[in-house]
Amino acid sequence: MQNTVTSNDQDITEFLKPAAYNAEVFAQIIGEILQTGMPVTNKAIISVLITRLEQESDVAQLNIYRQLLEKVVNKTPDDLAI
């Protein structure tokens, strides 16, 4: 099975670049997804972030996960403007 990064995923990566403190966490999440053999998609990233939010107790780490989740959800092209 081949893992590919779509243009949407590249767009998300570009969008998150300015937030350097989130970059390491984002890279860990991408690595975690790739290790499972699944493609890196917005849905997969959101799923991992929600799981981490449910399991984390450190307030600082929770804020990082929330910020990343907010950026990914706001960047997701699934919501078409009608």
N, C-alpha and C. Protein backbone atom coordinates (compact mmCIF):
# COMPACT_ATOMS: atom_id res chain seq x y z
N MET A 1 0.84 -1.17 0.00
CA MET A 1 0.00 0.00 0.00
C MET A 1 0.89 1.24 0.00
N GLN A 2 0.59 2.15 -0.89
CA GLN A 2 1.41 3.35 -1.02
C GLN A 2 0.74 4.52 -0.34
N ASN A 3 1.50 5.24 0.48
CA ASN A 3 0.99 6.43 1.13
C ASN A 3 1.36 7.64 0.29
N THR A 4 0.36 8.45 -0.01
CA THR A 4 0.62 9.66 -0.78
C THR A 4 0.11 10.86 -0.02
N VAL A 5 0.75 11.97 -0.25
CA VAL A 5 0.32 13.23 0.36
C VAL A 5 -0.38 14.02 -0.73
N THR A 6 -1.64 14.36 -0.49
CA THR A 6 -2.41 15.09 -1.49
C THR A 6 -2.10 16.57 -1.40
N SER A 7 -2.59 17.32 -2.39
CA SER A 7 -2.36 18.77 -2.37
C SER A 7 -3.03 19.41 -1.16
N ASN A 8 -4.17 18.86 -0.71
CA ASN A 8 -4.83 19.39 0.48
C ASN A 8 -3.92 19.25 1.69
N ASP A 9 -3.24 18.13 1.80
CA ASP A 9 -2.34 17.90 2.92
C ASP A 9 -1.15 18.85 2.85
N GLN A 10 -0.67 19.12 1.63
CA GLN A 10 0.42 20.07 1.47
C GLN A 10 -0.05 21.47 1.83
N ASP A 11 -1.28 21.82 1.49
CA ASP A 11 -1.84 23.11 1.85
C ASP A 11 -1.90 23.27 3.36
N ILE A 12 -2.31 22.22 4.06
CA ILE A 12 -2.38 22.26 5.52
C ILE A 12 -1.00 22.48 6.10
N THR A 13 -0.02 21.76 5.56
CA THR A 13 1.35 21.90 6.06
C THR A 13 1.83 23.34 5.86
N GLU A 14 1.57 23.93 4.71
CA GLU A 14 1.96 25.32 4.46
C GLU A 14 1.24 26.27 5.42
N PHE A 15 -0.01 25.98 5.68
CA PHE A 15 -0.82 26.83 6.56
C PHE A 15 -0.28 26.80 7.99
N LEU A 16 0.23 25.67 8.41
CA LEU A 16 0.69 25.51 9.79
C LEU A 16 2.15 25.93 10.00
N LYS A 17 2.90 26.18 8.94
CA LYS A 17 4.32 26.51 9.06
C LYS A 17 4.59 27.66 10.03
N PRO A 18 3.84 28.77 9.99
CA PRO A 18 4.16 29.87 10.91
C PRO A 18 4.10 29.49 12.38
N ALA A 19 3.33 28.52 12.74
CA ALA A 19 3.22 28.10 14.13
C ALA A 19 4.31 27.07 14.43
N ALA A 20 5.52 27.56 14.63
CA ALA A 20 6.68 26.67 14.79
C ALA A 20 6.52 25.74 15.98
N TYR A 21 5.93 26.21 17.05
CA TYR A 21 5.79 25.36 18.23
C TYR A 21 4.81 24.22 17.99
N ASN A 22 3.94 24.35 17.00
CA ASN A 22 3.02 23.27 16.66
C ASN A 22 3.61 22.32 15.62
N ALA A 23 4.65 22.74 14.95
CA ALA A 23 5.21 21.94 13.85
C ALA A 23 5.68 20.56 14.31
N GLU A 24 6.30 20.50 15.46
CA GLU A 24 6.79 19.21 15.95
C GLU A 24 5.63 18.27 16.27
N VAL A 25 4.61 18.79 16.90
CA VAL A 25 3.43 17.98 17.23
C VAL A 25 2.75 17.52 15.95
N PHE A 26 2.62 18.43 14.99
CA PHE A 26 2.00 18.09 13.71
C PHE A 26 2.79 16.99 13.01
N ALA A 27 4.11 17.08 13.04
CA ALA A 27 4.96 16.06 12.43
C ALA A 27 4.78 14.71 13.12
N GLN A 28 4.64 14.72 14.43
CA GLN A 28 4.41 13.47 15.17
C GLN A 28 3.09 12.83 14.76
N ILE A 29 2.08 13.66 14.58
CA ILE A 29 0.77 13.15 14.18
C ILE A 29 0.83 12.55 12.78
N ILE A 30 1.49 13.23 11.87
CA ILE A 30 1.65 12.71 10.51
C ILE A 30 2.40 11.38 10.55
N GLY A 31 3.47 11.31 11.34
CA GLY A 31 4.22 10.06 11.47
C GLY A 31 3.39 8.94 12.04
N GLU A 32 2.57 9.27 13.02
CA GLU A 32 1.68 8.27 13.62
C GLU A 32 0.69 7.72 12.59
N ILE A 33 0.15 8.58 11.78
CA ILE A 33 -0.79 8.15 10.74
C ILE A 33 -0.09 7.28 9.72
N LEU A 34 1.10 7.70 9.29
CA LEU A 34 1.84 6.93 8.29
C LEU A 34 2.23 5.55 8.82
N GLN A 35 2.52 5.44 10.11
CA GLN A 35 2.89 4.16 10.70
C GLN A 35 1.73 3.17 10.66
N THR A 36 0.52 3.67 10.67
CA THR A 36 -0.64 2.78 10.62
C THR A 36 -0.90 2.28 9.20
N GLY A 37 -0.23 2.89 8.21
CA GLY A 37 -0.44 2.48 6.82
C GLY A 37 -1.60 3.20 6.16
N MET A 38 -2.20 4.13 6.87
CA MET A 38 -3.32 4.89 6.31
C MET A 38 -2.79 6.11 5.57
N PRO A 39 -3.54 6.60 4.59
CA PRO A 39 -3.13 7.84 3.93
C PRO A 39 -3.32 9.03 4.87
N VAL A 40 -2.50 10.03 4.70
CA VAL A 40 -2.61 11.24 5.51
C VAL A 40 -3.71 12.11 4.91
N THR A 41 -4.81 12.20 5.62
CA THR A 41 -5.94 13.00 5.18
C THR A 41 -6.37 13.93 6.31
N ASN A 42 -7.20 14.90 5.97
CA ASN A 42 -7.74 15.78 7.01
C ASN A 42 -8.49 14.97 8.07
N LYS A 43 -9.26 14.00 7.61
CA LYS A 43 -10.06 13.17 8.52
C LYS A 43 -9.15 12.40 9.48
N ALA A 44 -8.06 11.86 8.97
CA ALA A 44 -7.13 11.11 9.82
C ALA A 44 -6.45 12.03 10.84
N ILE A 45 -6.06 13.23 10.41
CA ILE A 45 -5.42 14.19 11.31
C ILE A 45 -6.40 14.60 12.41
N ILE A 46 -7.63 14.89 12.03
CA ILE A 46 -8.66 15.28 12.99
C ILE A 46 -8.90 14.16 14.00
N SER A 47 -8.96 12.94 13.52
CA SER A 47 -9.20 11.79 14.39
C SER A 47 -8.09 11.64 15.43
N VAL A 48 -6.84 11.76 15.00
CA VAL A 48 -5.72 11.65 15.93
C VAL A 48 -5.76 12.79 16.95
N LEU A 49 -6.04 14.00 16.49
CA LEU A 49 -6.09 15.14 17.40
C LEU A 49 -7.20 14.97 18.44
N ILE A 50 -8.36 14.50 18.03
CA ILE A 50 -9.45 14.28 18.98
C ILE A 50 -9.06 13.21 20.00
N THR A 51 -8.44 12.15 19.54
CA THR A 51 -7.99 11.09 20.45
C THR A 51 -7.00 11.65 21.46
N ARG A 52 -6.06 12.46 20.99
CA ARG A 52 -5.08 13.05 21.90
C ARG A 52 -5.74 14.00 22.89
N LEU A 53 -6.71 14.77 22.43
CA LEU A 53 -7.43 15.67 23.33
C LEU A 53 -8.14 14.91 24.44
N GLU A 54 -8.70 13.76 24.10
CA GLU A 54 -9.42 12.95 25.09
C GLU A 54 -8.49 12.31 26.11
N GLN A 55 -7.24 12.07 25.74
CA GLN A 55 -6.32 11.35 26.60
C GLN A 55 -5.35 12.25 27.37
N GLU A 56 -5.23 13.51 26.98
CA GLU A 56 -4.24 14.42 27.56
C GLU A 56 -4.78 15.12 28.80
N SER A 57 -3.90 15.34 29.77
CA SER A 57 -4.30 16.07 30.97
C SER A 57 -3.49 17.37 31.15
N ASP A 58 -2.37 17.49 30.44
CA ASP A 58 -1.53 18.69 30.52
C ASP A 58 -2.20 19.84 29.76
N VAL A 59 -2.44 20.94 30.47
CA VAL A 59 -3.16 22.08 29.89
C VAL A 59 -2.43 22.67 28.70
N ALA A 60 -1.12 22.81 28.78
CA ALA A 60 -0.35 23.39 27.68
C ALA A 60 -0.45 22.52 26.43
N GLN A 61 -0.35 21.22 26.62
CA GLN A 61 -0.45 20.30 25.48
C GLN A 61 -1.86 20.31 24.90
N LEU A 62 -2.85 20.38 25.77
CA LEU A 62 -4.24 20.47 25.29
C LEU A 62 -4.44 21.69 24.41
N ASN A 63 -3.85 22.81 24.80
CA ASN A 63 -3.97 24.03 24.00
C ASN A 63 -3.33 23.87 22.62
N ILE A 64 -2.21 23.19 22.56
CA ILE A 64 -1.56 22.93 21.27
C ILE A 64 -2.47 22.07 20.40
N TYR A 65 -3.02 21.00 20.96
CA TYR A 65 -3.92 20.13 20.20
C TYR A 65 -5.16 20.90 19.72
N ARG A 66 -5.71 21.75 20.58
CA ARG A 66 -6.88 22.54 20.20
C ARG A 66 -6.56 23.49 19.06
N GLN A 67 -5.41 24.14 19.14
CA GLN A 67 -5.01 25.06 18.08
C GLN A 67 -4.82 24.34 16.75
N LEU A 68 -4.16 23.19 16.80
CA LEU A 68 -3.98 22.41 15.58
C LEU A 68 -5.31 21.94 15.02
N LEU A 69 -6.18 21.46 15.89
CA LEU A 69 -7.49 21.00 15.45
C LEU A 69 -8.27 22.13 14.80
N GLU A 70 -8.24 23.29 15.42
CA GLU A 70 -8.94 24.45 14.86
C GLU A 70 -8.41 24.80 13.47
N LYS A 71 -7.10 24.77 13.30
CA LYS A 71 -6.50 25.09 12.01
C LYS A 71 -6.87 24.06 10.95
N VAL A 72 -6.83 22.79 11.31
CA VAL A 72 -7.15 21.74 10.35
C VAL A 72 -8.63 21.80 9.98
N VAL A 73 -9.49 21.97 10.95
CA VAL A 73 -10.93 22.02 10.67
C VAL A 73 -11.27 23.24 9.82
N ASN A 74 -10.67 24.38 10.13
CA ASN A 74 -10.93 25.59 9.34
C ASN A 74 -10.38 25.49 7.94
N LYS A 75 -9.36 24.68 7.73
CA LYS A 75 -8.72 24.52 6.44
C LYS A 75 -9.38 23.43 5.61
N THR A 76 -10.19 22.58 6.22
CA THR A 76 -10.81 21.46 5.52
C THR A 76 -11.79 21.96 4.47
N PRO A 77 -11.60 21.56 3.20
CA PRO A 77 -12.47 22.04 2.12
C PRO A 77 -13.80 21.30 2.02
N ASP A 78 -14.13 20.47 3.00
CA ASP A 78 -15.36 19.68 2.93
C ASP A 78 -16.62 20.54 3.04
N ASP A 79 -16.53 21.67 3.69
CA ASP A 79 -17.68 22.53 3.87
C ASP A 79 -17.77 23.50 2.70
N LEU A 80 -18.65 23.22 1.78
CA LEU A 80 -18.82 24.07 0.61
C LEU A 80 -19.76 25.22 0.94
N ALA A 81 -19.38 26.39 0.52
CA ALA A 81 -20.24 27.55 0.72
C ALA A 81 -21.41 27.48 -0.27
N ILE A 82 -22.60 27.60 0.26
CA ILE A 82 -23.79 27.51 -0.59
C ILE A 82 -24.35 28.88 -0.79
